[in-house]
Structure formats: C-alpha cells, structure tokens
Amino acid sequence: MLALITNDDGIDSPNVAPEELRGIERARLASSGAVQTVVTEPGAGYVKLAYRGVDAELEPGTDAALLAGGFASFTPLRPVCEADEVGKDLGRKTLVSR
C-alpha cells in the first residue's frame, strides 16, 4: 500500500503515518477547491503567489473529505482540450454595428 501512494499516479494521501492510513478510495472532485491561489505581488517578469485554505464544509465522497478522514484518494481525470471539431463550418464572420 505504501508504494502505491508514494508514486506520482494522481493519488492524494493524507499527512499521516503509514499505520494511521485508513485505506484508499475513489473520490469525486469537490465543487470548489480546498485551496485558493492568490496573487500577492505582480512584478515585471514575475508574479508571487500564496496558497490559502478555504473554509468550506467538506462534501462527502470528495477528495478533500476523504483526505480529512485519513484516507488516500484517487480521482480519475480527463484532460481539458480544445474541441476543434466545433464551429469549423462557421468560417470567419465580421460583426457589423447597427
């Protein structure tokens, strides 16, 4: 079990000792993230970021709720990609003000 959760296969594990791990379960994504990224300083050629926890009620069955309960979780994801088959028949349109 420990080898399974220490690789980089999209598995999240709680910060607990191996003997305290309660198991591993498939999870769904929460409707909002458990952490928000905030821009703290935009600069010339760089941006500083901070990460802050979100105070929200944990939704049962989500990755965040399982982690909080001492379980490792995995959520199979599909990549986001361009839907290049949509709108090809439209070509270029010019908008005219009326």
C-alpha atoms as a PDB file:
ATOM      1  CA  MET A   1       0.000   0.000   0.000  1.00  0.00           C
ATOM      2  CA  LEU A   2       2.742   2.486   0.861  1.00  0.00           C
ATOM      3  CA  ALA A   3       4.461   2.052  -2.523  1.00  0.00           C
ATOM      4  CA  LEU A   4       1.134   2.735  -4.218  1.00  0.00           C
ATOM      5  CA  ILE A   5       0.630   6.094  -2.517  1.00  0.00           C
ATOM      6  CA  THR A   6       4.178   7.388  -2.795  1.00  0.00           C
ATOM      7  CA  ASN A   7       4.365   7.403  -6.601  1.00  0.00           C
ATOM      8  CA  ASP A   8       3.080  10.123  -8.916  1.00  0.00           C
ATOM      9  CA  ASP A   9      -0.063   8.488 -10.321  1.00  0.00           C
ATOM     10  CA  GLY A  10      -2.573  11.159  -9.271  1.00  0.00           C
ATOM     11  CA  ILE A  11      -3.157   9.667  -5.855  1.00  0.00           C
ATOM     12  CA  ASP A  12      -3.543  12.041  -2.917  1.00  0.00           C
ATOM     13  CA  SER A  13      -2.571  10.850   0.525  1.00  0.00           C
ATOM     14  CA  PRO A  14      -3.139  12.435   3.921  1.00  0.00           C
ATOM     15  CA  ASN A  15      -0.222  13.557   6.037  1.00  0.00           C
ATOM     16  CA  VAL A  16      -0.379  10.621   8.446  1.00  0.00           C
ATOM     17  CA  ALA A  17       1.966   7.816   9.446  1.00  0.00           C
ATOM     18  CA  PRO A  18       1.531   4.693   7.260  1.00  0.00           C
ATOM     19  CA  GLU A  19      -0.077   2.769  10.130  1.00  0.00           C
ATOM     20  CA  GLU A  20      -2.693   5.521  10.510  1.00  0.00           C
ATOM     21  CA  LEU A  21      -3.769   5.411   6.855  1.00  0.00           C
ATOM     22  CA  ARG A  22      -7.370   4.170   6.840  1.00  0.00           C
ATOM     23  CA  GLY A  23      -7.371   2.929   3.230  1.00  0.00           C
ATOM     24  CA  ILE A  24      -7.697   4.225  -0.296  1.00  0.00           C
ATOM     25  CA  GLU A  25     -10.937   5.174  -2.055  1.00  0.00           C
ATOM     26  CA  ARG A  26     -12.045   6.562  -5.386  1.00  0.00           C
ATOM     27  CA  ALA A  27     -13.233  10.143  -4.928  1.00  0.00           C
ATOM     28  CA  ARG A  28     -15.070  12.782  -6.890  1.00  0.00           C
ATOM     29  CA  LEU A  29     -13.843  16.338  -7.139  1.00  0.00           C
ATOM     30  CA  ALA A  30     -15.311  18.846  -4.741  1.00  0.00           C
ATOM     31  CA  SER A  31     -17.419  21.626  -6.268  1.00  0.00           C
ATOM     32  CA  SER A  32     -14.748  24.096  -5.177  1.00  0.00           C
ATOM     33  CA  GLY A  33     -11.106  23.621  -4.334  1.00  0.00           C
ATOM     34  CA  ALA A  34      -9.800  23.170  -0.814  1.00  0.00           C
ATOM     35  CA  VAL A  35      -7.033  25.669  -1.578  1.00  0.00           C
ATOM     36  CA  GLN A  36      -7.138  29.002  -3.414  1.00  0.00           C
ATOM     37  CA  THR A  37      -4.227  30.613  -5.205  1.00  0.00           C
ATOM     38  CA  VAL A  38      -3.921  34.352  -4.619  1.00  0.00           C
ATOM     39  CA  VAL A  39      -1.630  36.781  -6.446  1.00  0.00           C
ATOM     40  CA  THR A  40       0.270  38.630  -3.728  1.00  0.00           C
ATOM     41  CA  GLU A  41       2.677  40.639  -5.864  1.00  0.00           C
ATOM     42  CA  PRO A  42       2.652  41.163  -9.614  1.00  0.00           C
ATOM     43  CA  GLY A  43       6.032  42.338 -10.845  1.00  0.00           C
ATOM     44  CA  ALA A  44       7.976  42.921 -14.025  1.00  0.00           C
ATOM     45  CA  GLY A  45       8.515  39.394 -15.346  1.00  0.00           C
ATOM     46  CA  TYR A  46       7.286  37.603 -12.222  1.00  0.00           C
ATOM     47  CA  VAL A  47       4.228  37.009 -10.057  1.00  0.00           C
ATOM     48  CA  LYS A  48       4.314  35.963  -6.385  1.00  0.00           C
ATOM     49  CA  LEU A  49       1.563  33.609  -5.307  1.00  0.00           C
ATOM     50  CA  ALA A  50       0.181  32.494  -1.953  1.00  0.00           C
ATOM     51  CA  TYR A  51      -1.908  29.433  -1.250  1.00  0.00           C
ATOM     52  CA  ARG A  52      -4.700  29.644   1.313  1.00  0.00           C
ATOM     53  CA  GLY A  53      -7.045  27.022   2.666  1.00  0.00           C
ATOM     54  CA  VAL A  54     -10.734  27.569   2.019  1.00  0.00           C
ATOM     55  CA  ASP A  55     -13.170  27.454   4.929  1.00  0.00           C
ATOM     56  CA  ALA A  56     -15.931  25.389   3.373  1.00  0.00           C
ATOM     57  CA  GLU A  57     -17.904  22.377   4.516  1.00  0.00           C
ATOM     58  CA  LEU A  58     -16.412  19.192   3.118  1.00  0.00           C
ATOM     59  CA  GLU A  59     -18.689  17.390   0.673  1.00  0.00           C
ATOM     60  CA  PRO A  60     -18.996  13.648   1.421  1.00  0.00           C
ATOM     61  CA  GLY A  61     -17.212  11.424  -1.081  1.00  0.00           C
ATOM     62  CA  THR A  62     -14.879  14.133  -2.341  1.00  0.00           C
ATOM     63  CA  ASP A  63     -11.107  14.001  -2.394  1.00  0.00           C
ATOM     64  CA  ALA A  64     -10.872  16.706   0.286  1.00  0.00           C
ATOM     65  CA  ALA A  65     -13.310  14.915   2.609  1.00  0.00           C
ATOM     66  CA  LEU A  66     -11.543  11.563   2.245  1.00  0.00           C
ATOM     67  CA  LEU A  67      -8.150  13.118   2.946  1.00  0.00           C
ATOM     68  CA  ALA A  68      -9.527  14.848   6.030  1.00  0.00           C
ATOM     69  CA  GLY A  69     -10.849  11.467   7.164  1.00  0.00           C
ATOM     70  CA  GLY A  70      -7.440   9.796   6.898  1.00  0.00           C
ATOM     71  CA  PHE A  71      -7.987   8.044   3.547  1.00  0.00           C
ATOM     72  CA  ALA A  72      -5.840   8.245   0.445  1.00  0.00           C
ATOM     73  CA  SER A  73      -7.925   9.148  -2.592  1.00  0.00           C
ATOM     74  CA  PHE A  74      -7.739   8.916  -6.347  1.00  0.00           C
ATOM     75  CA  THR A  75      -9.893  10.750  -8.853  1.00  0.00           C
ATOM     76  CA  PRO A  76      -9.588   9.672 -12.490  1.00  0.00           C
ATOM     77  CA  LEU A  77      -9.429  12.798 -14.660  1.00  0.00           C
ATOM     78  CA  ARG A  78      -9.704  13.530 -18.352  1.00  0.00           C
ATOM     79  CA  PRO A  79      -7.573  16.307 -19.802  1.00  0.00           C
ATOM     80  CA  VAL A  80      -9.080  19.586 -20.894  1.00  0.00           C
ATOM     81  CA  CYS A  81      -8.508  20.102 -24.592  1.00  0.00           C
ATOM     82  CA  GLU A  82      -9.775  22.191 -27.486  1.00  0.00           C
ATOM     83  CA  ALA A  83     -12.952  20.945 -29.193  1.00  0.00           C
ATOM     84  CA  ASP A  84     -11.539  21.530 -32.660  1.00  0.00           C
ATOM     85  CA  GLU A  85     -14.479  19.850 -34.379  1.00  0.00           C
ATOM     86  CA  VAL A  86     -16.907  22.543 -33.194  1.00  0.00           C
ATOM     87  CA  GLY A  87     -17.570  25.609 -35.364  1.00  0.00           C
ATOM     88  CA  LYS A  88     -15.396  24.726 -38.353  1.00  0.00           C
ATOM     89  CA  ASP A  89     -18.337  25.318 -40.681  1.00  0.00           C
ATOM     90  CA  LEU A  90     -18.697  28.930 -39.494  1.00  0.00           C
ATOM     91  CA  GLY A  91     -15.545  30.318 -41.052  1.00  0.00           C
ATOM     92  CA  ARG A  92     -14.763  33.967 -40.327  1.00  0.00           C
ATOM     93  CA  LYS A  93     -17.657  36.304 -39.600  1.00  0.00           C
ATOM     94  CA  THR A  94     -17.497  40.083 -39.450  1.00  0.00           C
ATOM     95  CA  LEU A  95     -19.690  41.866 -36.958  1.00  0.00           C
ATOM     96  CA  VAL A  96     -21.465  44.945 -38.241  1.00  0.00           C
ATOM     97  CA  SER A  97     -22.731  47.624 -35.847  1.00  0.00           C
ATOM     98  CA  ARG A  98     -26.263  48.800 -36.415  1.00  0.00           C
END
